[in-house]
């Protein structure tokens, strides 16, 4: 025989689980200290400067057009 469940309680449990999952993602996104945010921004800026410094020029060489 199948197990009898209360649908109202099942819906509430599912809603609680969904809410907890959303809270966990929000904690990961917004639950950082100011120092952690600054460190991540500094690392991203450093990487961008590093990549920009190693970029090759795509412009053609200057030629005399006389």
PDB file of N, CA and C in Angstrom:
ATOM      1  N   UNK A   1       0.814  -1.183   0.000  1.00  0.00           N
ATOM      2  CA  UNK A   1       0.000   0.000   0.000  1.00  0.00           C
ATOM      3  C   UNK A   1       0.858   1.246   0.000  1.00  0.00           C
ATOM      4  N   UNK A   2       0.311   2.282  -0.538  1.00  0.00           N
ATOM      5  CA  UNK A   2       1.019   3.555  -0.606  1.00  0.00           C
ATOM      6  C   UNK A   2       0.970   4.268   0.740  1.00  0.00           C
ATOM      7  N   UNK A   3       1.966   5.052   0.968  1.00  0.00           N
ATOM      8  CA  UNK A   3       2.025   5.828   2.206  1.00  0.00           C
ATOM      9  C   UNK A   3       1.100   7.044   2.079  1.00  0.00           C
ATOM     10  N   UNK A   4       0.319   7.282   3.088  1.00  0.00           N
ATOM     11  CA  UNK A   4      -0.618   8.403   3.084  1.00  0.00           C
ATOM     12  C   UNK A   4       0.124   9.638   3.587  1.00  0.00           C
ATOM     13  N   UNK A   5       0.030  10.719   2.793  1.00  0.00           N
ATOM     14  CA  UNK A   5       0.688  11.963   3.190  1.00  0.00           C
ATOM     15  C   UNK A   5      -0.326  13.093   3.201  1.00  0.00           C
ATOM     16  N   UNK A   6      -0.046  14.079   3.991  1.00  0.00           N
ATOM     17  CA  UNK A   6      -0.874  15.258   4.057  1.00  0.00           C
ATOM     18  C   UNK A   6      -0.321  16.257   3.034  1.00  0.00           C
ATOM     19  N   UNK A   7      -1.114  16.580   2.009  1.00  0.00           N
ATOM     20  CA  UNK A   7      -0.639  17.443   0.938  1.00  0.00           C
ATOM     21  C   UNK A   7      -0.306  18.850   1.426  1.00  0.00           C
ATOM     22  N   UNK A   8      -1.037  19.343   2.373  1.00  0.00           N
ATOM     23  CA  UNK A   8      -0.780  20.681   2.911  1.00  0.00           C
ATOM     24  C   UNK A   8       0.613  20.716   3.538  1.00  0.00           C
ATOM     25  N   UNK A   9       0.931  19.691   4.329  1.00  0.00           N
ATOM     26  CA  UNK A   9       2.249  19.631   4.956  1.00  0.00           C
ATOM     27  C   UNK A   9       3.346  19.425   3.914  1.00  0.00           C
ATOM     28  N   UNK A  10       3.072  18.636   2.896  1.00  0.00           N
ATOM     29  CA  UNK A  10       4.060  18.402   1.847  1.00  0.00           C
ATOM     30  C   UNK A  10       4.369  19.703   1.110  1.00  0.00           C
ATOM     31  N   UNK A  11       3.340  20.505   0.804  1.00  0.00           N
ATOM     32  CA  UNK A  11       3.554  21.788   0.138  1.00  0.00           C
ATOM     33  C   UNK A  11       4.367  22.731   1.020  1.00  0.00           C
ATOM     34  N   UNK A  12       4.050  22.755   2.308  1.00  0.00           N
ATOM     35  CA  UNK A  12       4.787  23.616   3.233  1.00  0.00           C
ATOM     36  C   UNK A  12       6.259  23.182   3.323  1.00  0.00           C
ATOM     37  N   UNK A  13       6.499  21.878   3.381  1.00  0.00           N
ATOM     38  CA  UNK A  13       7.883  21.382   3.441  1.00  0.00           C
ATOM     39  C   UNK A  13       8.653  21.748   2.181  1.00  0.00           C
ATOM     40  N   UNK A  14       7.995  21.622   1.038  1.00  0.00           N
ATOM     41  CA  UNK A  14       8.645  21.973  -0.226  1.00  0.00           C
ATOM     42  C   UNK A  14       8.948  23.468  -0.260  1.00  0.00           C
ATOM     43  N   UNK A  15       8.034  24.292   0.198  1.00  0.00           N
ATOM     44  CA  UNK A  15       8.251  25.741   0.231  1.00  0.00           C
ATOM     45  C   UNK A  15       9.419  26.087   1.154  1.00  0.00           C
ATOM     46  N   UNK A  16       9.515  25.398   2.292  1.00  0.00           N
ATOM     47  CA  UNK A  16      10.632  25.645   3.220  1.00  0.00           C
ATOM     48  C   UNK A  16      11.967  25.282   2.577  1.00  0.00           C
ATOM     49  N   UNK A  17      11.993  24.160   1.869  1.00  0.00           N
ATOM     50  CA  UNK A  17      13.224  23.730   1.214  1.00  0.00           C
ATOM     51  C   UNK A  17      13.622  24.724   0.121  1.00  0.00           C
ATOM     52  N   UNK A  18      12.649  25.192  -0.661  1.00  0.00           N
ATOM     53  CA  UNK A  18      12.938  26.174  -1.712  1.00  0.00           C
ATOM     54  C   UNK A  18      13.466  27.470  -1.104  1.00  0.00           C
ATOM     55  N   UNK A  19      12.857  27.894  -0.019  1.00  0.00           N
ATOM     56  CA  UNK A  19      13.277  29.126   0.653  1.00  0.00           C
ATOM     57  C   UNK A  19      14.696  28.975   1.197  1.00  0.00           C
ATOM     58  N   UNK A  20      15.021  27.825   1.744  1.00  0.00           N
ATOM     59  CA  UNK A  20      16.358  27.589   2.279  1.00  0.00           C
ATOM     60  C   UNK A  20      17.402  27.579   1.156  1.00  0.00           C
ATOM     61  N   UNK A  21      17.072  26.983   0.011  1.00  0.00           N
ATOM     62  CA  UNK A  21      17.994  26.987  -1.129  1.00  0.00           C
ATOM     63  C   UNK A  21      18.274  28.409  -1.597  1.00  0.00           C
ATOM     64  N   UNK A  22      17.211  29.218  -1.690  1.00  0.00           N
ATOM     65  CA  UNK A  22      17.377  30.608  -2.120  1.00  0.00           C
ATOM     66  C   UNK A  22      18.209  31.383  -1.100  1.00  0.00           C
ATOM     67  N   UNK A  23      17.985  31.143   0.173  1.00  0.00           N
ATOM     68  CA  UNK A  23      18.748  31.817   1.220  1.00  0.00           C
ATOM     69  C   UNK A  23      20.226  31.446   1.127  1.00  0.00           C
ATOM     70  N   UNK A  24      20.501  30.202   0.816  1.00  0.00           N
ATOM     71  CA  UNK A  24      21.887  29.762   0.704  1.00  0.00           C
ATOM     72  C   UNK A  24      22.595  30.452  -0.456  1.00  0.00           C
ATOM     73  N   UNK A  25      21.924  30.577  -1.591  1.00  0.00           N
ATOM     74  CA  UNK A  25      22.541  31.273  -2.719  1.00  0.00           C
ATOM     75  C   UNK A  25      22.744  32.749  -2.395  1.00  0.00           C
ATOM     76  N   UNK A  26      21.800  33.358  -1.676  1.00  0.00           N
ATOM     77  CA  UNK A  26      21.949  34.759  -1.290  1.00  0.00           C
ATOM     78  C   UNK A  26      23.104  34.937  -0.306  1.00  0.00           C
ATOM     79  N   UNK A  27      23.269  33.990   0.602  1.00  0.00           N
ATOM     80  CA  UNK A  27      24.387  34.078   1.543  1.00  0.00           C
ATOM     81  C   UNK A  27      25.708  34.024   0.798  1.00  0.00           C
ATOM     82  N   UNK A  28      25.768  33.190  -0.223  1.00  0.00           N
ATOM     83  CA  UNK A  28      27.003  33.092  -1.004  1.00  0.00           C
ATOM     84  C   UNK A  28      27.257  34.375  -1.791  1.00  0.00           C
ATOM     85  N   UNK A  29      26.205  34.987  -2.315  1.00  0.00           N
ATOM     86  CA  UNK A  29      26.371  36.175  -3.138  1.00  0.00           C
ATOM     87  C   UNK A  29      26.575  37.434  -2.314  1.00  0.00           C
ATOM     88  N   UNK A  30      25.830  37.596  -1.247  1.00  0.00           N
ATOM     89  CA  UNK A  30      25.836  38.861  -0.511  1.00  0.00           C
ATOM     90  C   UNK A  30      26.470  38.766   0.877  1.00  0.00           C
ATOM     91  N   UNK A  31      26.793  37.594   1.321  1.00  0.00           N
ATOM     92  CA  UNK A  31      27.284  37.425   2.683  1.00  0.00           C
ATOM     93  C   UNK A  31      28.793  37.499   2.794  1.00  0.00           C
ATOM     94  N   UNK A  32      29.403  38.433   2.078  1.00  0.00           N
ATOM     95  CA  UNK A  32      30.850  38.575   2.142  1.00  0.00           C
ATOM     96  C   UNK A  32      31.202  39.847   2.906  1.00  0.00           C
ATOM     97  N   UNK A  33      32.358  39.828   3.529  1.00  0.00           N
ATOM     98  CA  UNK A  33      32.804  41.012   4.246  1.00  0.00           C
ATOM     99  C   UNK A  33      33.325  42.039   3.251  1.00  0.00           C
ATOM    100  N   UNK A  34      33.478  43.268   3.718  1.00  0.00           N
ATOM    101  CA  UNK A  34      33.977  44.338   2.861  1.00  0.00           C
ATOM    102  C   UNK A  34      35.384  43.998   2.358  1.00  0.00           C
ATOM    103  N   UNK A  35      36.202  43.428   3.216  1.00  0.00           N
ATOM    104  CA  UNK A  35      37.564  43.065   2.831  1.00  0.00           C
ATOM    105  C   UNK A  35      37.562  42.005   1.723  1.00  0.00           C
ATOM    106  N   UNK A  36      36.666  41.034   1.821  1.00  0.00           N
ATOM    107  CA  UNK A  36      36.579  39.997   0.787  1.00  0.00           C
ATOM    108  C   UNK A  36      36.151  40.595  -0.542  1.00  0.00           C
ATOM    109  N   UNK A  37      35.193  41.522  -0.508  1.00  0.00           N
ATOM    110  CA  UNK A  37      34.742  42.175  -1.735  1.00  0.00           C
ATOM    111  C   UNK A  37      35.869  42.987  -2.360  1.00  0.00           C
ATOM    112  N   UNK A  38      36.614  43.729  -1.536  1.00  0.00           N
ATOM    113  CA  UNK A  38      37.717  44.537  -2.044  1.00  0.00           C
ATOM    114  C   UNK A  38      38.814  43.655  -2.622  1.00  0.00           C
ATOM    115  N   UNK A  39      39.101  42.537  -1.963  1.00  0.00           N
ATOM    116  CA  UNK A  39      40.134  41.624  -2.445  1.00  0.00           C
ATOM    117  C   UNK A  39      39.749  41.055  -3.808  1.00  0.00           C
ATOM    118  N   UNK A  40      38.497  40.645  -3.954  1.00  0.00           N
ATOM    119  CA  UNK A  40      38.044  40.090  -5.228  1.00  0.00           C
ATOM    120  C   UNK A  40      38.104  41.153  -6.324  1.00  0.00           C
ATOM    121  N   UNK A  41      37.702  42.393  -6.012  1.00  0.00           N
ATOM    122  CA  UNK A  41      37.743  43.463  -7.000  1.00  0.00           C
ATOM    123  C   UNK A  41      39.184  43.769  -7.384  1.00  0.00           C
ATOM    124  N   UNK A  42      40.081  43.788  -6.404  1.00  0.00           N
ATOM    125  CA  UNK A  42      41.492  44.048  -6.673  1.00  0.00           C
ATOM    126  C   UNK A  42      42.078  42.962  -7.582  1.00  0.00           C
ATOM    127  N   UNK A  43      41.757  41.701  -7.311  1.00  0.00           N
ATOM    128  CA  UNK A  43      42.259  40.597  -8.133  1.00  0.00           C
ATOM    129  C   UNK A  43      41.728  40.683  -9.559  1.00  0.00           C
ATOM    130  N   UNK A  44      40.451  41.045  -9.711  1.00  0.00           N
ATOM    131  CA  UNK A  44      39.873  41.177 -11.049  1.00  0.00           C
ATOM    132  C   UNK A  44      40.535  42.322 -11.811  1.00  0.00           C
ATOM    133  N   UNK A  45      40.775  43.455 -11.134  1.00  0.00           N
ATOM    134  CA  UNK A  45      41.444  44.588 -11.779  1.00  0.00           C
ATOM    135  C   UNK A  45      42.867  44.223 -12.180  1.00  0.00           C
ATOM    136  N   UNK A  46      43.564  43.502 -11.311  1.00  0.00           N
ATOM    137  CA  UNK A  46      44.935  43.094 -11.595  1.00  0.00           C
ATOM    138  C   UNK A  46      44.974  42.169 -12.814  1.00  0.00           C
ATOM    139  N   UNK A  47      44.049  41.230 -12.885  1.00  0.00           N
ATOM    140  CA  UNK A  47      43.982  40.323 -14.023  1.00  0.00           C
ATOM    141  C   UNK A  47      43.692  41.089 -15.312  1.00  0.00           C
ATOM    142  N   UNK A  48      42.774  42.048 -15.243  1.00  0.00           N
ATOM    143  CA  UNK A  48      42.436  42.836 -16.432  1.00  0.00           C
ATOM    144  C   UNK A  48      43.649  43.646 -16.911  1.00  0.00           C
ATOM    145  N   UNK A  49      44.370  44.266 -15.978  1.00  0.00           N
ATOM    146  CA  UNK A  49      45.572  45.024 -16.348  1.00  0.00           C
ATOM    147  C   UNK A  49      46.620  44.103 -16.958  1.00  0.00           C
ATOM    148  N   UNK A  50      46.771  42.914 -16.384  1.00  0.00           N
ATOM    149  CA  UNK A  50      47.745  41.948 -16.888  1.00  0.00           C
ATOM    150  C   UNK A  50      47.413  41.541 -18.324  1.00  0.00           C
ATOM    151  N   UNK A  51      46.136  41.250 -18.570  1.00  0.00           N
ATOM    152  CA  UNK A  51      45.732  40.849 -19.919  1.00  0.00           C
ATOM    153  C   UNK A  51      45.868  42.002 -20.909  1.00  0.00           C
ATOM    154  N   UNK A  52      45.496  43.210 -20.488  1.00  0.00           N
ATOM    155  CA  UNK A  52      45.623  44.372 -21.363  1.00  0.00           C
ATOM    156  C   UNK A  52      47.088  44.646 -21.692  1.00  0.00           C
ATOM    157  N   UNK A  53      47.971  44.394 -20.758  1.00  0.00           N
ATOM    158  CA  UNK A  53      49.395  44.620 -20.980  1.00  0.00           C
ATOM    159  C   UNK A  53      50.002  43.640 -21.955  1.00  0.00           C
ATOM    160  N   UNK A  54      49.404  42.489 -22.118  1.00  0.00           N
ATOM    161  CA  UNK A  54      49.926  41.470 -23.018  1.00  0.00           C
ATOM    162  C   UNK A  54      49.168  41.417 -24.347  1.00  0.00           C
ATOM    163  N   UNK A  55      48.295  42.368 -24.582  1.00  0.00           N
ATOM    164  CA  UNK A  55      47.501  42.374 -25.804  1.00  0.00           C
ATOM    165  C   UNK A  55      48.369  42.821 -26.976  1.00  0.00           C
ATOM    166  N   UNK A  56      48.253  42.116 -28.082  1.00  0.00           N
ATOM    167  CA  UNK A  56      48.995  42.467 -29.283  1.00  0.00           C
ATOM    168  C   UNK A  56      48.236  43.538 -30.049  1.00  0.00           C
ATOM    169  N   UNK A  57      48.994  44.452 -30.646  1.00  0.00           N
ATOM    170  CA  UNK A  57      48.371  45.482 -31.476  1.00  0.00           C
ATOM    171  C   UNK A  57      47.947  44.859 -32.798  1.00  0.00           C
ATOM    172  N   UNK A  58      46.748  45.154 -33.220  1.00  0.00           N
ATOM    173  CA  UNK A  58      46.226  44.607 -34.473  1.00  0.00           C
ATOM    174  C   UNK A  58      46.339  45.624 -35.609  1.00  0.00           C
ATOM    175  N   UNK A  59      46.891  46.816 -35.317  1.00  0.00           N
ATOM    176  CA  UNK A  59      46.988  47.845 -36.346  1.00  0.00           C
ATOM    177  C   UNK A  59      48.102  47.498 -37.323  1.00  0.00           C
ATOM    178  N   UNK A  60      47.927  47.800 -38.624  1.00  0.00           N
ATOM    179  CA  UNK A  60      48.969  47.518 -39.614  1.00  0.00           C
ATOM    180  C   UNK A  60      50.170  48.449 -39.383  1.00  0.00           C
ATOM    181  N   UNK A  61      51.354  48.009 -39.782  1.00  0.00           N
ATOM    182  CA  UNK A  61      52.526  48.849 -39.607  1.00  0.00           C
ATOM    183  C   UNK A  61      52.426  50.123 -40.456  1.00  0.00           C
ATOM    184  N   UNK A  62      53.035  51.195 -39.968  1.00  0.00           N
ATOM    185  CA  UNK A  62      53.017  52.457 -40.715  1.00  0.00           C
ATOM    186  C   UNK A  62      53.899  52.339 -41.951  1.00  0.00           C
ATOM    187  N   UNK A  63      53.361  52.680 -43.077  1.00  0.00           N
ATOM    188  CA  UNK A  63      54.109  52.619 -44.332  1.00  0.00           C
ATOM    189  C   UNK A  63      54.100  54.003 -44.974  1.00  0.00           C
ATOM    190  N   UNK A  64      55.127  54.300 -45.688  1.00  0.00           N
ATOM    191  CA  UNK A  64      55.182  55.559 -46.438  1.00  0.00           C
ATOM    192  C   UNK A  64      54.301  55.434 -47.651  1.00  0.00           C
ATOM    193  N   UNK A  65      53.368  56.322 -47.776  1.00  0.00           N
ATOM    194  CA  UNK A  65      52.476  56.289 -48.933  1.00  0.00           C
ATOM    195  C   UNK A  65      52.775  57.519 -49.793  1.00  0.00           C
ATOM    196  N   UNK A  66      53.913  57.474 -50.447  1.00  0.00           N
ATOM    197  CA  UNK A  66      54.300  58.609 -51.287  1.00  0.00           C
ATOM    198  C   UNK A  66      54.116  58.342 -52.734  1.00  0.00           C
TER     199      UNK A  66
END
